[in-house]
């Protein structure tokens, strides 16, 4: 299943792994189909690690995940390598992922290991737009509304739509 993410920097196409990560992929698609990602920003950008998005608006108001936490599929055989996407979650709460997700901009296989009872569940990969991902990881960041690593100039998700 492919998904187009239109950002203020350019387009990224994801291939979701609906076989190995069915819960995470379905959760992501439900938020996308509802338009819940539209108008959110990349709120945590750490070059050499990851870029996170899915919940915050440009003014740093947070959109809470409306679907509740999902089962963590971290043992699905997929690895947090460069260009993959994974569910963000709260520390010490393995099954807390809702609407936030992140792009691995480097190989982060340490996220595959249980840190607090579980690793981080990969559910897809970038198949087009790695250059856009790389452009986002390189933006200048600051602290905003108590959050670190926030882009100085917002990088917005304009829309997330199924491609097929």
N, C-alpha and C. Protein backbone atom coordinates (compact mmCIF):
# COMPACT_ATOMS: atom_id res chain seq x y z
N UNK A 1 0.85 -1.17 0.00
CA UNK A 1 0.00 0.00 0.00
C UNK A 1 0.89 1.24 0.00
N UNK A 2 0.71 2.08 -1.00
CA UNK A 2 1.50 3.32 -1.09
C UNK A 2 0.69 4.51 -0.61
N UNK A 3 1.41 5.47 -0.02
CA UNK A 3 0.81 6.68 0.52
C UNK A 3 1.65 7.87 0.08
N UNK A 4 0.99 8.92 -0.39
CA UNK A 4 1.67 10.17 -0.76
C UNK A 4 1.58 11.15 0.40
N UNK A 5 2.73 11.66 0.81
CA UNK A 5 2.77 12.70 1.83
C UNK A 5 3.26 13.97 1.14
N UNK A 6 2.38 14.95 1.04
CA UNK A 6 2.74 16.24 0.46
C UNK A 6 3.18 17.15 1.60
N UNK A 7 4.43 17.60 1.55
CA UNK A 7 4.94 18.50 2.59
C UNK A 7 5.22 19.87 1.97
N UNK A 8 5.51 20.83 2.81
CA UNK A 8 5.86 22.17 2.32
C UNK A 8 7.21 22.18 1.63
N UNK A 9 7.97 21.09 1.74
CA UNK A 9 9.29 20.98 1.11
C UNK A 9 9.22 20.16 -0.17
N UNK A 10 8.24 19.26 -0.27
CA UNK A 10 8.10 18.38 -1.43
C UNK A 10 7.37 17.10 -1.04
N UNK A 11 7.28 16.17 -2.00
CA UNK A 11 6.51 14.95 -1.80
C UNK A 11 7.37 13.77 -1.38
N UNK A 12 6.80 12.96 -0.49
CA UNK A 12 7.41 11.71 -0.05
C UNK A 12 6.38 10.61 -0.29
N UNK A 13 6.81 9.50 -0.89
CA UNK A 13 5.93 8.36 -1.08
C UNK A 13 6.39 7.23 -0.16
N UNK A 14 5.45 6.73 0.63
CA UNK A 14 5.73 5.61 1.52
C UNK A 14 5.13 4.34 0.97
N UNK A 15 5.79 3.22 1.21
CA UNK A 15 5.24 1.89 0.98
C UNK A 15 5.00 1.31 2.37
N UNK A 16 3.72 1.14 2.74
CA UNK A 16 3.39 0.58 4.04
C UNK A 16 3.45 -0.94 3.98
N UNK A 17 3.96 -1.56 5.02
CA UNK A 17 4.03 -3.02 5.08
C UNK A 17 2.82 -3.54 5.83
N UNK A 18 1.75 -3.77 5.08
CA UNK A 18 0.48 -4.22 5.68
C UNK A 18 0.51 -5.68 6.10
N UNK A 19 1.53 -6.43 5.64
CA UNK A 19 1.64 -7.83 6.04
C UNK A 19 2.38 -7.99 7.36
N UNK A 20 3.54 -7.34 7.49
CA UNK A 20 4.35 -7.50 8.71
C UNK A 20 3.96 -6.52 9.82
N UNK A 21 3.31 -5.42 9.46
CA UNK A 21 2.91 -4.42 10.46
C UNK A 21 1.45 -4.00 10.22
N UNK A 22 0.52 -4.95 10.25
CA UNK A 22 -0.87 -4.62 9.91
C UNK A 22 -1.54 -3.64 10.87
N UNK A 23 -1.26 -3.73 12.14
CA UNK A 23 -1.90 -2.85 13.12
C UNK A 23 -1.39 -1.42 12.94
N UNK A 24 -0.08 -1.26 12.83
CA UNK A 24 0.51 0.07 12.67
C UNK A 24 0.09 0.69 11.34
N UNK A 25 0.11 -0.09 10.26
CA UNK A 25 -0.28 0.43 8.94
C UNK A 25 -1.74 0.85 8.94
N UNK A 26 -2.62 0.04 9.52
CA UNK A 26 -4.05 0.38 9.56
C UNK A 26 -4.28 1.63 10.40
N UNK A 27 -3.56 1.74 11.51
CA UNK A 27 -3.67 2.92 12.37
C UNK A 27 -3.25 4.18 11.61
N UNK A 28 -2.10 4.11 10.93
CA UNK A 28 -1.61 5.24 10.14
C UNK A 28 -2.63 5.62 9.07
N UNK A 29 -3.15 4.64 8.35
CA UNK A 29 -4.12 4.91 7.29
C UNK A 29 -5.41 5.52 7.82
N UNK A 30 -5.84 5.09 9.00
CA UNK A 30 -7.05 5.66 9.60
C UNK A 30 -6.87 7.15 9.88
N UNK A 31 -5.72 7.53 10.43
CA UNK A 31 -5.44 8.95 10.67
C UNK A 31 -5.32 9.70 9.34
N UNK A 32 -4.66 9.09 8.35
CA UNK A 32 -4.52 9.74 7.05
C UNK A 32 -5.87 9.93 6.38
N UNK A 33 -6.69 8.88 6.36
CA UNK A 33 -8.01 8.96 5.71
C UNK A 33 -8.91 10.00 6.36
N UNK A 34 -8.74 10.21 7.66
CA UNK A 34 -9.54 11.20 8.39
C UNK A 34 -9.03 12.62 8.21
N UNK A 35 -7.86 12.77 7.55
CA UNK A 35 -7.27 14.10 7.36
C UNK A 35 -6.58 14.62 8.60
N UNK A 36 -6.33 13.74 9.56
CA UNK A 36 -5.75 14.18 10.84
C UNK A 36 -4.30 14.63 10.73
N UNK A 37 -3.59 14.23 9.69
CA UNK A 37 -2.21 14.67 9.51
C UNK A 37 -2.11 15.99 8.76
N UNK A 38 -3.15 16.36 8.06
CA UNK A 38 -3.13 17.58 7.25
C UNK A 38 -2.96 18.81 8.14
N UNK A 39 -1.96 19.64 7.83
CA UNK A 39 -1.72 20.85 8.60
C UNK A 39 -0.83 20.66 9.82
N UNK A 40 -0.33 19.43 10.03
CA UNK A 40 0.61 19.22 11.14
C UNK A 40 2.03 19.50 10.65
N UNK A 41 2.95 19.51 11.58
CA UNK A 41 4.34 19.85 11.24
C UNK A 41 5.29 18.73 11.66
N UNK A 42 6.49 18.79 11.12
CA UNK A 42 7.60 18.00 11.64
C UNK A 42 8.06 18.76 12.88
N UNK A 43 7.79 18.21 14.06
CA UNK A 43 8.03 18.94 15.31
C UNK A 43 9.32 18.56 16.03
N UNK A 44 9.96 17.51 15.55
CA UNK A 44 11.23 17.07 16.19
C UNK A 44 12.15 16.61 15.07
N UNK A 45 13.21 17.38 14.86
CA UNK A 45 14.13 17.11 13.76
C UNK A 45 15.55 17.00 14.32
N UNK A 46 16.11 15.79 14.22
CA UNK A 46 17.45 15.55 14.74
C UNK A 46 18.27 14.89 13.62
N UNK A 47 19.10 15.69 12.96
CA UNK A 47 19.95 15.19 11.88
C UNK A 47 20.83 14.07 12.43
N UNK A 48 20.97 13.00 11.67
CA UNK A 48 21.74 11.86 12.11
C UNK A 48 20.92 10.86 12.91
N UNK A 49 19.63 11.17 13.14
CA UNK A 49 18.77 10.28 13.92
C UNK A 49 17.41 10.12 13.24
N UNK A 50 16.50 11.08 13.44
CA UNK A 50 15.16 10.93 12.90
C UNK A 50 14.46 12.28 12.79
N UNK A 51 13.33 12.28 12.04
CA UNK A 51 12.43 13.43 11.96
C UNK A 51 11.03 12.93 12.32
N UNK A 52 10.41 13.60 13.29
CA UNK A 52 9.14 13.13 13.86
C UNK A 52 8.02 14.09 13.52
N UNK A 53 6.83 13.52 13.32
CA UNK A 53 5.67 14.33 12.92
C UNK A 53 4.38 13.62 13.30
N UNK A 54 3.26 14.27 12.92
CA UNK A 54 1.96 13.63 13.05
C UNK A 54 1.01 14.21 14.07
N UNK A 55 1.47 15.10 14.94
CA UNK A 55 0.58 15.53 16.02
C UNK A 55 0.54 17.03 16.28
N UNK A 56 1.60 17.76 15.97
CA UNK A 56 1.65 19.17 16.35
C UNK A 56 1.32 20.09 15.19
N UNK A 57 0.63 21.18 15.51
CA UNK A 57 0.33 22.23 14.55
C UNK A 57 1.44 23.29 14.60
N UNK A 58 1.52 24.19 13.62
CA UNK A 58 2.60 25.18 13.61
C UNK A 58 2.73 26.01 14.89
N UNK A 59 1.62 26.24 15.60
CA UNK A 59 1.67 27.00 16.86
C UNK A 59 2.04 26.12 18.05
N UNK A 60 2.37 24.86 17.79
CA UNK A 60 2.76 23.85 18.78
C UNK A 60 1.59 23.35 19.62
N UNK A 61 0.36 23.62 19.19
CA UNK A 61 -0.78 22.94 19.80
C UNK A 61 -0.73 21.49 19.35
N UNK A 62 -0.98 20.57 20.28
CA UNK A 62 -0.90 19.15 19.97
C UNK A 62 -2.27 18.57 19.68
N UNK A 63 -2.36 17.84 18.58
CA UNK A 63 -3.56 17.07 18.27
C UNK A 63 -3.39 15.70 18.92
N UNK A 64 -4.22 15.42 19.89
CA UNK A 64 -4.13 14.14 20.58
C UNK A 64 -4.60 13.02 19.65
N UNK A 65 -4.00 11.87 19.78
CA UNK A 65 -4.43 10.71 18.99
C UNK A 65 -5.82 10.30 19.40
N UNK A 66 -6.74 10.29 18.47
CA UNK A 66 -8.15 10.04 18.78
C UNK A 66 -8.50 8.56 18.80
N UNK A 67 -7.57 7.70 18.43
CA UNK A 67 -7.87 6.28 18.31
C UNK A 67 -7.35 5.44 19.48
N UNK A 68 -6.65 6.03 20.41
CA UNK A 68 -6.09 5.26 21.52
C UNK A 68 -4.81 4.54 21.10
N UNK A 69 -4.06 4.09 22.07
CA UNK A 69 -2.80 3.41 21.81
C UNK A 69 -2.99 2.07 21.13
N UNK A 70 -2.02 1.69 20.31
CA UNK A 70 -2.09 0.42 19.57
C UNK A 70 -1.03 -0.56 20.08
N UNK A 71 -1.24 -1.84 19.77
CA UNK A 71 -0.27 -2.87 20.12
C UNK A 71 1.04 -2.59 19.37
N UNK A 72 2.13 -2.63 20.08
CA UNK A 72 3.46 -2.39 19.51
C UNK A 72 3.91 -3.62 18.73
N UNK A 73 4.14 -3.46 17.43
CA UNK A 73 4.55 -4.55 16.55
C UNK A 73 6.07 -4.58 16.33
N UNK A 74 6.84 -4.25 17.35
CA UNK A 74 8.28 -4.10 17.20
C UNK A 74 9.00 -5.40 16.84
N UNK A 75 8.40 -6.55 17.07
CA UNK A 75 9.04 -7.82 16.75
C UNK A 75 8.57 -8.38 15.41
N UNK A 76 8.31 -7.50 14.45
CA UNK A 76 7.76 -7.92 13.15
C UNK A 76 8.84 -8.25 12.12
N UNK A 77 10.10 -8.13 12.47
CA UNK A 77 11.18 -8.43 11.55
C UNK A 77 11.68 -7.24 10.75
N UNK A 78 11.01 -6.11 10.85
CA UNK A 78 11.43 -4.89 10.16
C UNK A 78 12.38 -4.11 11.07
N UNK A 79 13.36 -3.45 10.47
CA UNK A 79 14.39 -2.76 11.25
C UNK A 79 14.35 -1.26 11.00
N UNK A 80 14.73 -0.50 12.02
CA UNK A 80 14.80 0.96 11.95
C UNK A 80 16.05 1.38 11.19
N UNK A 81 16.01 1.20 9.87
CA UNK A 81 17.11 1.58 9.00
C UNK A 81 16.76 2.87 8.27
N UNK A 82 17.75 3.49 7.68
CA UNK A 82 17.55 4.75 6.96
C UNK A 82 16.41 4.61 5.95
N UNK A 83 15.48 5.57 6.00
CA UNK A 83 14.38 5.61 5.06
C UNK A 83 13.13 4.86 5.51
N UNK A 84 13.19 4.21 6.67
CA UNK A 84 11.99 3.55 7.17
C UNK A 84 11.18 4.52 8.05
N UNK A 85 9.90 4.18 8.24
CA UNK A 85 9.04 4.95 9.13
C UNK A 85 8.58 4.04 10.25
N UNK A 86 8.50 4.61 11.45
CA UNK A 86 8.13 3.84 12.64
C UNK A 86 7.17 4.65 13.50
N UNK A 87 6.46 3.94 14.34
CA UNK A 87 5.53 4.59 15.26
C UNK A 87 6.30 5.19 16.44
N UNK A 88 5.97 6.43 16.78
CA UNK A 88 6.49 7.05 18.00
C UNK A 88 5.58 6.61 19.15
N UNK A 89 6.14 6.57 20.33
CA UNK A 89 5.36 6.17 21.51
C UNK A 89 5.97 6.79 22.74
N UNK A 90 5.26 6.68 23.84
CA UNK A 90 5.75 7.19 25.11
C UNK A 90 6.75 6.21 25.71
N UNK A 91 7.75 6.74 26.43
CA UNK A 91 8.70 5.89 27.13
C UNK A 91 8.01 5.06 28.19
N UNK A 92 8.49 3.85 28.38
CA UNK A 92 7.96 2.92 29.37
C UNK A 92 6.50 2.56 29.15
N UNK A 93 5.98 2.84 27.96
CA UNK A 93 4.60 2.49 27.60
C UNK A 93 4.60 1.92 26.18
N UNK A 94 5.02 0.67 26.02
CA UNK A 94 5.20 0.10 24.69
C UNK A 94 3.98 0.18 23.77
N UNK A 95 2.77 0.08 24.32
CA UNK A 95 1.56 0.07 23.49
C UNK A 95 0.85 1.43 23.49
N UNK A 96 1.62 2.51 23.46
CA UNK A 96 1.05 3.86 23.55
C UNK A 96 1.05 4.63 22.24
N UNK A 97 1.51 4.04 21.14
CA UNK A 97 1.56 4.76 19.86
C UNK A 97 0.15 5.13 19.39
N UNK A 98 0.01 6.37 18.94
CA UNK A 98 -1.27 6.82 18.38
C UNK A 98 -1.02 7.44 17.01
N UNK A 99 -0.95 8.78 16.95
CA UNK A 99 -0.83 9.46 15.66
C UNK A 99 0.60 9.87 15.28
N UNK A 100 1.53 9.87 16.20
CA UNK A 100 2.89 10.32 15.88
C UNK A 100 3.73 9.20 15.27
N UNK A 101 4.54 9.58 14.29
CA UNK A 101 5.43 8.64 13.64
C UNK A 101 6.72 9.36 13.30
N UNK A 102 7.74 8.60 12.92
CA UNK A 102 9.01 9.23 12.57
C UNK A 102 9.68 8.52 11.42
N UNK A 103 10.51 9.29 10.71
CA UNK A 103 11.34 8.79 9.63
C UNK A 103 12.73 8.58 10.19
N UNK A 104 13.31 7.42 9.98
CA UNK A 104 14.70 7.17 10.35
C UNK A 104 15.58 7.78 9.27
N UNK A 105 16.37 8.79 9.61
CA UNK A 105 17.25 9.43 8.63
C UNK A 105 18.64 8.80 8.63
N UNK A 106 18.86 7.87 9.55
CA UNK A 106 20.09 7.07 9.64
C UNK A 106 19.69 5.66 10.05
N UNK A 107 20.64 4.75 9.99
CA UNK A 107 20.39 3.41 10.51
C UNK A 107 20.35 3.49 12.03
N UNK A 108 19.20 3.16 12.60
CA UNK A 108 18.99 3.25 14.05
C UNK A 108 18.60 1.89 14.60
N UNK A 109 19.42 0.88 14.34
CA UNK A 109 19.06 -0.47 14.75
C UNK A 109 18.94 -0.62 16.27
N UNK A 110 19.50 0.30 17.02
CA UNK A 110 19.34 0.26 18.48
C UNK A 110 17.87 0.43 18.87
N UNK A 111 17.05 1.02 17.98
CA UNK A 111 15.61 1.17 18.25
C UNK A 111 14.86 -0.15 18.08
N UNK A 112 15.52 -1.14 17.49
CA UNK A 112 14.91 -2.47 17.33
C UNK A 112 14.98 -3.27 18.63
N UNK A 113 15.84 -2.84 19.54
CA UNK A 113 16.06 -3.56 20.79
C UNK A 113 15.11 -3.05 21.88
N UNK A 114 14.68 -3.93 22.77
CA UNK A 114 13.81 -3.48 23.86
C UNK A 114 14.56 -2.59 24.83
N UNK A 115 14.10 -1.36 24.96
CA UNK A 115 14.71 -0.38 25.85
C UNK A 115 13.93 -0.29 27.15
N UNK A 116 12.63 -0.41 27.05
CA UNK A 116 11.73 -0.30 28.20
C UNK A 116 10.60 -1.32 28.05
N UNK A 117 11.00 -2.51 27.61
CA UNK A 117 10.04 -3.57 27.40
C UNK A 117 9.74 -3.82 25.93
N UNK A 118 10.14 -2.88 25.06
CA UNK A 118 9.88 -3.04 23.62
C UNK A 118 10.77 -2.10 22.82
N UNK A 119 10.88 -2.38 21.53
CA UNK A 119 11.56 -1.49 20.60
C UNK A 119 10.52 -0.59 19.94
N UNK A 120 10.88 -0.04 18.79
CA UNK A 120 10.00 0.86 18.05
C UNK A 120 9.59 0.19 16.75
N UNK A 121 8.28 0.15 16.49
CA UNK A 121 7.71 -0.63 15.39
C UNK A 121 7.80 0.09 14.05
N UNK A 122 8.59 -0.46 13.15
CA UNK A 122 8.65 0.00 11.77
C UNK A 122 7.41 -0.52 11.04
N UNK A 123 6.81 0.35 10.20
CA UNK A 123 5.63 -0.08 9.45
C UNK A 123 5.68 0.28 7.97
N UNK A 124 6.80 0.83 7.52
CA UNK A 124 6.91 1.16 6.10
C UNK A 124 8.25 1.78 5.78
N UNK A 125 8.39 2.19 4.50
CA UNK A 125 9.65 2.80 4.06
C UNK A 125 9.38 3.82 2.97
N UNK A 126 10.30 4.75 2.84
CA UNK A 126 10.25 5.75 1.79
C UNK A 126 10.67 5.08 0.49
N UNK A 127 9.82 5.19 -0.54
CA UNK A 127 10.17 4.65 -1.85
C UNK A 127 10.43 5.76 -2.87
N UNK A 128 9.97 6.96 -2.57
CA UNK A 128 10.29 8.16 -3.36
C UNK A 128 10.37 9.33 -2.40
N UNK A 129 11.35 10.21 -2.60
CA UNK A 129 11.44 11.41 -1.78
C UNK A 129 12.47 11.36 -0.67
N UNK A 130 13.45 10.46 -0.78
CA UNK A 130 14.53 10.47 0.22
C UNK A 130 15.22 11.83 0.25
N UNK A 131 15.29 12.50 -0.90
CA UNK A 131 15.89 13.83 -0.95
C UNK A 131 15.08 14.84 -0.14
N UNK A 132 13.77 14.66 -0.10
CA UNK A 132 12.91 15.54 0.71
C UNK A 132 13.15 15.26 2.19
N UNK A 133 13.21 13.97 2.55
CA UNK A 133 13.52 13.59 3.92
C UNK A 133 14.86 14.20 4.34
N UNK A 134 15.85 14.12 3.45
CA UNK A 134 17.17 14.67 3.77
C UNK A 134 17.14 16.19 3.89
N UNK A 135 16.31 16.86 3.08
CA UNK A 135 16.17 18.32 3.19
C UNK A 135 15.58 18.69 4.55
N UNK A 136 14.59 17.93 5.00
CA UNK A 136 13.95 18.22 6.28
C UNK A 136 14.92 18.00 7.43
N UNK A 137 15.71 16.93 7.38
CA UNK A 137 16.62 16.64 8.50
C UNK A 137 17.68 17.72 8.68
N UNK A 138 17.91 18.52 7.63
CA UNK A 138 18.95 19.53 7.68
C UNK A 138 18.49 20.93 8.05
N UNK A 139 17.19 21.10 8.37
CA UNK A 139 16.71 22.45 8.68
C UNK A 139 17.22 22.90 10.05
N UNK A 140 17.31 24.22 10.22
CA UNK A 140 17.70 24.79 11.51
C UNK A 140 16.59 24.55 12.53
N UNK A 141 16.99 24.24 13.77
CA UNK A 141 16.02 23.97 14.82
C UNK A 141 16.24 24.88 16.02
N UNK A 142 15.23 24.91 16.88
CA UNK A 142 15.25 25.74 18.08
C UNK A 142 14.39 25.06 19.14
N UNK A 143 14.20 25.73 20.27
CA UNK A 143 13.27 25.29 21.29
C UNK A 143 12.03 26.17 21.18
N UNK A 144 10.88 25.53 21.17
CA UNK A 144 9.62 26.26 21.01
C UNK A 144 8.57 25.63 21.91
N UNK A 145 7.92 26.43 22.72
CA UNK A 145 6.86 25.96 23.63
C UNK A 145 7.32 24.77 24.47
N UNK A 146 8.57 24.82 24.94
CA UNK A 146 9.10 23.78 25.80
C UNK A 146 9.57 22.53 25.07
N UNK A 147 9.53 22.53 23.75
CA UNK A 147 9.96 21.38 22.95
C UNK A 147 11.27 21.72 22.24
N UNK A 148 12.24 20.82 22.31
CA UNK A 148 13.50 21.02 21.63
C UNK A 148 13.47 20.44 20.23
N UNK A 149 14.43 20.82 19.41
CA UNK A 149 14.62 20.28 18.06
C UNK A 149 13.47 20.59 17.12
N UNK A 150 12.80 21.73 17.35
CA UNK A 150 11.68 22.16 16.51
C UNK A 150 12.23 23.04 15.38
N UNK A 151 11.86 22.77 14.13
CA UNK A 151 12.34 23.63 13.04
C UNK A 151 12.00 25.11 13.28
N UNK A 152 12.97 25.98 13.01
CA UNK A 152 12.77 27.42 13.14
C UNK A 152 11.63 27.86 12.22
N UNK A 153 11.69 27.43 10.97
CA UNK A 153 10.61 27.66 10.01
C UNK A 153 9.82 26.36 9.90
N UNK A 154 8.50 26.39 10.18
CA UNK A 154 7.72 25.15 10.16
C UNK A 154 7.82 24.40 8.83
N UNK A 155 7.98 23.09 8.94
CA UNK A 155 7.89 22.18 7.80
C UNK A 155 6.56 21.46 7.97
N UNK A 156 5.63 21.73 7.06
CA UNK A 156 4.25 21.30 7.21
C UNK A 156 3.92 20.07 6.37
N UNK A 157 3.07 19.22 6.92
CA UNK A 157 2.44 18.15 6.14
C UNK A 157 1.15 18.74 5.60
N UNK A 158 1.07 18.92 4.29
CA UNK A 158 -0.13 19.48 3.68
C UNK A 158 -1.23 18.43 3.55
N UNK A 159 -0.83 17.21 3.18
CA UNK A 159 -1.82 16.13 3.05
C UNK A 159 -1.13 14.78 3.04
N UNK A 160 -1.89 13.77 3.45
CA UNK A 160 -1.46 12.37 3.39
C UNK A 160 -2.61 11.61 2.75
N UNK A 161 -2.34 11.01 1.59
CA UNK A 161 -3.39 10.32 0.83
C UNK A 161 -2.90 8.98 0.31
N UNK A 162 -3.81 8.02 0.25
CA UNK A 162 -3.49 6.73 -0.37
C UNK A 162 -3.16 6.94 -1.83
N UNK A 163 -2.14 6.24 -2.31
CA UNK A 163 -1.73 6.36 -3.71
C UNK A 163 -2.31 5.24 -4.56
N UNK A 164 -2.73 4.13 -3.93
CA UNK A 164 -3.30 3.02 -4.69
C UNK A 164 -4.39 2.33 -3.90
